[in-house]
Amino acid sequence: MLGARPTDGPDQVTAVLGADFAENSPDGHGMGRDYGMAEFFWQRESPDHPWVGHHFTLQVHRLSSLGSGAVNPVIRERYGRFARRLRYGKLERLLAGRGVYMEDVPDPNGPAYTLYRQPDSPGVGAGVPDCPGEARASGRRRAHR
């Protein structure tokens, strides 16, 4: 994300996204930083060890209530205004255009959400609210459950 990788340390991510974040480190072995829509996570063996990047998430659902205000200013400056809603079909088409494909994953939390994963990148996935009759780039429609 703007050059910040999931494996980067906290200082490297802050150098890219800025110092406006909320930090949560309840046990000293795991830490998360919330940069708005983007969240980065790290782990370490003990307080004497360095943080090791684990993953990042994009909390796109925050756009529905906060709009572009949910987006980190550095990201917003680079990409512009964000719509309050991102349909999965559009995301799927954009990813496919870059050669990235998602596959459905059985979800015990259904029927409200459908889960997808990116098979070439362990830990990369998306939870998507079901929208009745939404067309997918694959040509299939998700059935309303």
Foldseek 3Di string as FASTA:
>chain_A
DQPDFLFDAPVVVCVQQNDPWDKDDPDQAKIWTQQQQKIWIWGDPHNVGGTTRDHMGGNLQVCLPQFQNSPRPSVCVVVNGDHSDDDVQVVQVVCVVVVWHWDWDDDPPDDQWTKIAGVVDPPRIDTGGADDQDAHPVRDGDHRD
